[in-house]
Amino acid sequence: MRHVLLAMAALAPLAACRLPNLDHCVHKHVDSDAWCARNVADKAYCSPCVEEDHGCVAARPDPDECPDYAPDSTGGDASSSGSTGSTG
């Protein structure tokens, strides 16, 4: 039994989730792409697969390379800054 516990303890770090980086864009705002667009120049997308620049990247992450990426819930393009007001 002791050997089993030692083996489990040795393998636990491999199975554990990544340590949270509280400075990463995924932790900054619910709409993390929008947070990047407002706070990091020329990097309008939040990639959970990148650590540099708070996780903000210039191009939308490829789902094959970064399956954890999820676009903002707003459904809009994070790089657009047009207004939605009506005329007249």
N, C-alpha and C. Protein backbone atom coordinates (compact mmCIF):
# COMPACT_ATOMS: atom_id res chain seq x y z
N MET A 1 0.82 -1.19 0.00
CA MET A 1 0.00 0.00 0.00
C MET A 1 0.87 1.26 0.00
N ARG A 2 1.96 1.22 0.73
CA ARG A 2 2.85 2.37 0.80
C ARG A 2 3.45 2.70 -0.56
N HIS A 3 3.77 1.66 -1.34
CA HIS A 3 4.35 1.87 -2.66
C HIS A 3 3.33 2.52 -3.60
N VAL A 4 2.08 2.13 -3.44
CA VAL A 4 1.02 2.71 -4.28
C VAL A 4 0.88 4.20 -3.97
N LEU A 5 0.89 4.55 -2.70
CA LEU A 5 0.78 5.96 -2.32
C LEU A 5 1.97 6.77 -2.81
N LEU A 6 3.16 6.20 -2.74
CA LEU A 6 4.34 6.90 -3.24
C LEU A 6 4.27 7.10 -4.75
N ALA A 7 3.80 6.09 -5.44
CA ALA A 7 3.66 6.20 -6.90
C ALA A 7 2.63 7.26 -7.26
N MET A 8 1.52 7.29 -6.54
CA MET A 8 0.49 8.30 -6.80
C MET A 8 1.02 9.70 -6.51
N ALA A 9 1.77 9.85 -5.44
CA ALA A 9 2.34 11.16 -5.10
C ALA A 9 3.34 11.61 -6.15
N ALA A 10 4.09 10.69 -6.70
CA ALA A 10 5.08 11.03 -7.72
C ALA A 10 4.42 11.43 -9.04
N LEU A 11 3.27 10.82 -9.36
CA LEU A 11 2.58 11.11 -10.61
C LEU A 11 1.60 12.28 -10.50
N ALA A 12 1.25 12.70 -9.31
CA ALA A 12 0.26 13.76 -9.13
C ALA A 12 0.61 15.05 -9.86
N PRO A 13 1.85 15.53 -9.83
CA PRO A 13 2.15 16.77 -10.56
C PRO A 13 1.92 16.66 -12.07
N LEU A 14 2.07 15.47 -12.61
CA LEU A 14 1.86 15.29 -14.04
C LEU A 14 0.38 15.37 -14.41
N ALA A 15 -0.49 14.98 -13.51
CA ALA A 15 -1.92 14.95 -13.78
C ALA A 15 -2.62 16.23 -13.33
N ALA A 16 -1.94 17.05 -12.56
CA ALA A 16 -2.56 18.26 -12.01
C ALA A 16 -2.74 19.32 -13.09
N CYS A 17 -3.68 20.20 -12.85
CA CYS A 17 -3.89 21.34 -13.75
C CYS A 17 -2.71 22.28 -13.66
N ARG A 18 -2.61 23.15 -14.65
CA ARG A 18 -1.57 24.15 -14.63
C ARG A 18 -1.78 25.07 -13.43
N LEU A 19 -0.69 25.58 -12.88
CA LEU A 19 -0.81 26.53 -11.79
C LEU A 19 -1.41 27.81 -12.35
N PRO A 20 -2.36 28.40 -11.63
CA PRO A 20 -3.00 29.60 -12.15
C PRO A 20 -2.05 30.80 -12.14
N ASN A 21 -2.06 31.54 -13.22
CA ASN A 21 -1.32 32.78 -13.34
C ASN A 21 -2.35 33.89 -13.21
N LEU A 22 -2.46 34.49 -12.04
CA LEU A 22 -3.49 35.49 -11.79
C LEU A 22 -3.33 36.73 -12.66
N ASP A 23 -2.17 36.90 -13.29
CA ASP A 23 -1.94 38.05 -14.17
C ASP A 23 -2.30 37.72 -15.62
N HIS A 24 -2.81 36.52 -15.88
CA HIS A 24 -3.16 36.10 -17.23
C HIS A 24 -4.53 36.65 -17.61
N CYS A 25 -4.72 36.93 -18.89
CA CYS A 25 -5.97 37.53 -19.37
C CYS A 25 -7.20 36.69 -19.06
N VAL A 26 -7.07 35.38 -19.00
CA VAL A 26 -8.25 34.56 -18.71
C VAL A 26 -8.79 34.81 -17.30
N HIS A 27 -7.97 35.40 -16.44
CA HIS A 27 -8.39 35.70 -15.08
C HIS A 27 -8.75 37.17 -14.90
N LYS A 28 -8.56 38.00 -15.92
CA LYS A 28 -8.76 39.44 -15.81
C LYS A 28 -10.22 39.85 -15.99
N HIS A 29 -10.94 39.19 -16.87
CA HIS A 29 -12.29 39.62 -17.22
C HIS A 29 -13.03 38.45 -17.86
N VAL A 30 -14.35 38.47 -17.75
CA VAL A 30 -15.15 37.42 -18.38
C VAL A 30 -14.92 37.43 -19.89
N ASP A 31 -14.90 38.61 -20.49
CA ASP A 31 -14.62 38.75 -21.93
C ASP A 31 -13.14 39.04 -22.10
N SER A 32 -12.34 37.99 -22.03
CA SER A 32 -10.89 38.14 -22.01
C SER A 32 -10.32 38.67 -23.32
N ASP A 33 -10.94 38.36 -24.47
CA ASP A 33 -10.47 38.93 -25.74
C ASP A 33 -10.63 40.45 -25.69
N ALA A 34 -11.75 40.92 -25.22
CA ALA A 34 -11.99 42.36 -25.12
C ALA A 34 -11.01 43.00 -24.15
N TRP A 35 -10.68 42.31 -23.07
CA TRP A 35 -9.70 42.85 -22.12
C TRP A 35 -8.36 43.04 -22.81
N CYS A 36 -7.94 42.06 -23.60
CA CYS A 36 -6.67 42.18 -24.33
C CYS A 36 -6.73 43.34 -25.32
N ALA A 37 -7.84 43.45 -26.04
CA ALA A 37 -7.96 44.52 -27.05
C ALA A 37 -7.83 45.89 -26.40
N ARG A 38 -8.35 46.04 -25.19
CA ARG A 38 -8.28 47.33 -24.50
C ARG A 38 -6.94 47.58 -23.82
N ASN A 39 -6.24 46.54 -23.42
CA ASN A 39 -5.07 46.73 -22.55
C ASN A 39 -3.71 46.38 -23.14
N VAL A 40 -3.66 45.63 -24.24
CA VAL A 40 -2.38 45.25 -24.83
C VAL A 40 -2.40 45.64 -26.30
N ALA A 41 -1.55 46.57 -26.66
CA ALA A 41 -1.53 47.10 -28.02
C ALA A 41 -1.30 46.01 -29.07
N ASP A 42 -2.15 46.01 -30.09
CA ASP A 42 -2.04 45.11 -31.24
C ASP A 42 -2.19 43.62 -30.89
N LYS A 43 -2.76 43.32 -29.75
CA LYS A 43 -2.97 41.92 -29.36
C LYS A 43 -4.38 41.80 -28.79
N ALA A 44 -5.34 41.50 -29.67
CA ALA A 44 -6.75 41.56 -29.30
C ALA A 44 -7.37 40.22 -28.88
N TYR A 45 -6.57 39.19 -28.74
CA TYR A 45 -7.12 37.88 -28.37
C TYR A 45 -6.40 37.33 -27.15
N CYS A 46 -7.13 36.63 -26.32
CA CYS A 46 -6.57 36.02 -25.11
C CYS A 46 -6.36 34.53 -25.36
N SER A 47 -5.12 34.11 -25.31
CA SER A 47 -4.79 32.70 -25.52
C SER A 47 -4.41 32.03 -24.20
N PRO A 48 -5.15 31.00 -23.80
CA PRO A 48 -4.77 30.28 -22.59
C PRO A 48 -3.49 29.47 -22.77
N CYS A 49 -2.97 29.44 -23.99
CA CYS A 49 -1.77 28.66 -24.28
C CYS A 49 -0.49 29.49 -24.31
N VAL A 50 -0.60 30.79 -24.03
CA VAL A 50 0.54 31.70 -24.09
C VAL A 50 0.68 32.41 -22.75
N GLU A 51 1.91 32.59 -22.28
CA GLU A 51 2.13 33.27 -21.01
C GLU A 51 2.53 34.73 -21.20
N GLU A 52 3.28 35.05 -22.24
CA GLU A 52 3.79 36.40 -22.44
C GLU A 52 2.65 37.38 -22.68
N ASP A 53 2.87 38.65 -22.32
CA ASP A 53 1.90 39.74 -22.52
C ASP A 53 0.53 39.40 -21.94
N HIS A 54 0.51 38.84 -20.75
CA HIS A 54 -0.73 38.47 -20.05
C HIS A 54 -1.53 37.41 -20.81
N GLY A 55 -0.93 36.76 -21.79
CA GLY A 55 -1.64 35.77 -22.60
C GLY A 55 -2.27 36.36 -23.85
N CYS A 56 -2.09 37.67 -24.07
CA CYS A 56 -2.70 38.32 -25.23
C CYS A 56 -1.85 38.08 -26.48
N VAL A 57 -2.54 37.79 -27.59
CA VAL A 57 -1.88 37.51 -28.86
C VAL A 57 -2.55 38.30 -29.98
N ALA A 58 -1.85 38.49 -31.09
CA ALA A 58 -2.37 39.28 -32.21
C ALA A 58 -3.40 38.54 -33.05
N ALA A 59 -3.25 37.25 -33.21
CA ALA A 59 -4.16 36.47 -34.05
C ALA A 59 -5.01 35.55 -33.19
N ARG A 60 -6.23 35.30 -33.63
CA ARG A 60 -7.12 34.39 -32.91
C ARG A 60 -6.45 33.02 -32.81
N PRO A 61 -6.37 32.44 -31.62
CA PRO A 61 -5.71 31.14 -31.46
C PRO A 61 -6.37 30.05 -32.29
N ASP A 62 -5.54 29.21 -32.88
CA ASP A 62 -6.01 28.09 -33.69
C ASP A 62 -6.51 26.99 -32.75
N PRO A 63 -7.76 26.53 -32.92
CA PRO A 63 -8.29 25.50 -32.03
C PRO A 63 -7.50 24.20 -32.04
N ASP A 64 -6.80 23.91 -33.14
CA ASP A 64 -5.99 22.69 -33.19
C ASP A 64 -4.74 22.83 -32.32
N GLU A 65 -4.19 24.04 -32.25
CA GLU A 65 -2.98 24.28 -31.47
C GLU A 65 -3.30 24.66 -30.02
N CYS A 66 -4.46 25.25 -29.80
CA CYS A 66 -4.85 25.70 -28.46
C CYS A 66 -6.32 25.37 -28.22
N PRO A 67 -6.62 24.12 -27.93
CA PRO A 67 -8.03 23.70 -27.79
C PRO A 67 -8.75 24.36 -26.62
N ASP A 68 -8.04 24.94 -25.67
CA ASP A 68 -8.69 25.58 -24.53
C ASP A 68 -9.21 26.98 -24.85
N TYR A 69 -8.86 27.53 -26.03
CA TYR A 69 -9.32 28.88 -26.38
C TYR A 69 -10.82 28.88 -26.63
N ALA A 70 -11.49 29.88 -26.08
CA ALA A 70 -12.92 30.10 -26.32
C ALA A 70 -13.12 31.58 -26.58
N PRO A 71 -13.75 31.95 -27.69
CA PRO A 71 -13.99 33.36 -27.96
C PRO A 71 -14.91 33.96 -26.90
N ASP A 72 -14.88 35.29 -26.81
CA ASP A 72 -15.76 35.97 -25.86
C ASP A 72 -17.21 35.60 -26.09
N SER A 73 -17.98 35.68 -25.05
CA SER A 73 -19.41 35.34 -25.11
C SER A 73 -20.23 36.36 -25.88
N THR A 74 -19.65 37.53 -26.16
CA THR A 74 -20.39 38.57 -26.87
C THR A 74 -20.61 38.23 -28.32
N GLY A 75 -19.78 37.35 -28.87
CA GLY A 75 -19.94 36.93 -30.26
C GLY A 75 -19.35 37.90 -31.25
N GLY A 76 -18.86 39.04 -30.79
CA GLY A 76 -18.27 40.03 -31.70
C GLY A 76 -16.80 39.79 -31.87
N ASP A 77 -16.22 40.45 -32.85
CA ASP A 77 -14.79 40.38 -33.10
C ASP A 77 -14.09 41.28 -32.10
N ALA A 78 -13.15 40.76 -31.35
CA ALA A 78 -12.48 41.52 -30.30
C ALA A 78 -11.72 42.71 -30.85
N SER A 79 -11.32 42.66 -32.11
CA SER A 79 -10.53 43.75 -32.65
C SER A 79 -11.38 44.88 -33.21
N SER A 80 -12.68 44.69 -33.32
CA SER A 80 -13.50 45.76 -33.86
C SER A 80 -13.80 46.77 -32.77
N SER A 81 -13.90 48.03 -33.18
CA SER A 81 -14.16 49.08 -32.20
C SER A 81 -15.28 50.00 -32.68
N GLY A 82 -16.07 49.55 -33.63
CA GLY A 82 -17.15 50.37 -34.15
C GLY A 82 -18.27 50.53 -33.15
N SER A 83 -19.07 51.59 -33.32
CA SER A 83 -20.17 51.82 -32.39
C SER A 83 -21.41 51.11 -32.91
N THR A 84 -22.32 50.86 -32.01
CA THR A 84 -23.56 50.20 -32.39
C THR A 84 -24.74 51.14 -32.33
N GLY A 85 -24.46 52.42 -32.20
CA GLY A 85 -25.53 53.41 -32.11
C GLY A 85 -26.25 53.58 -33.43
N SER A 86 -27.50 54.07 -33.37
CA SER A 86 -28.27 54.27 -34.59
C SER A 86 -28.27 55.74 -34.97
N THR A 87 -28.52 56.00 -36.23
CA THR A 87 -28.57 57.37 -36.70
C THR A 87 -30.01 57.79 -36.89
N GLY A 88 -30.27 59.07 -36.67
CA GLY A 88 -31.58 59.63 -36.99
C GLY A 88 -32.52 59.50 -35.95
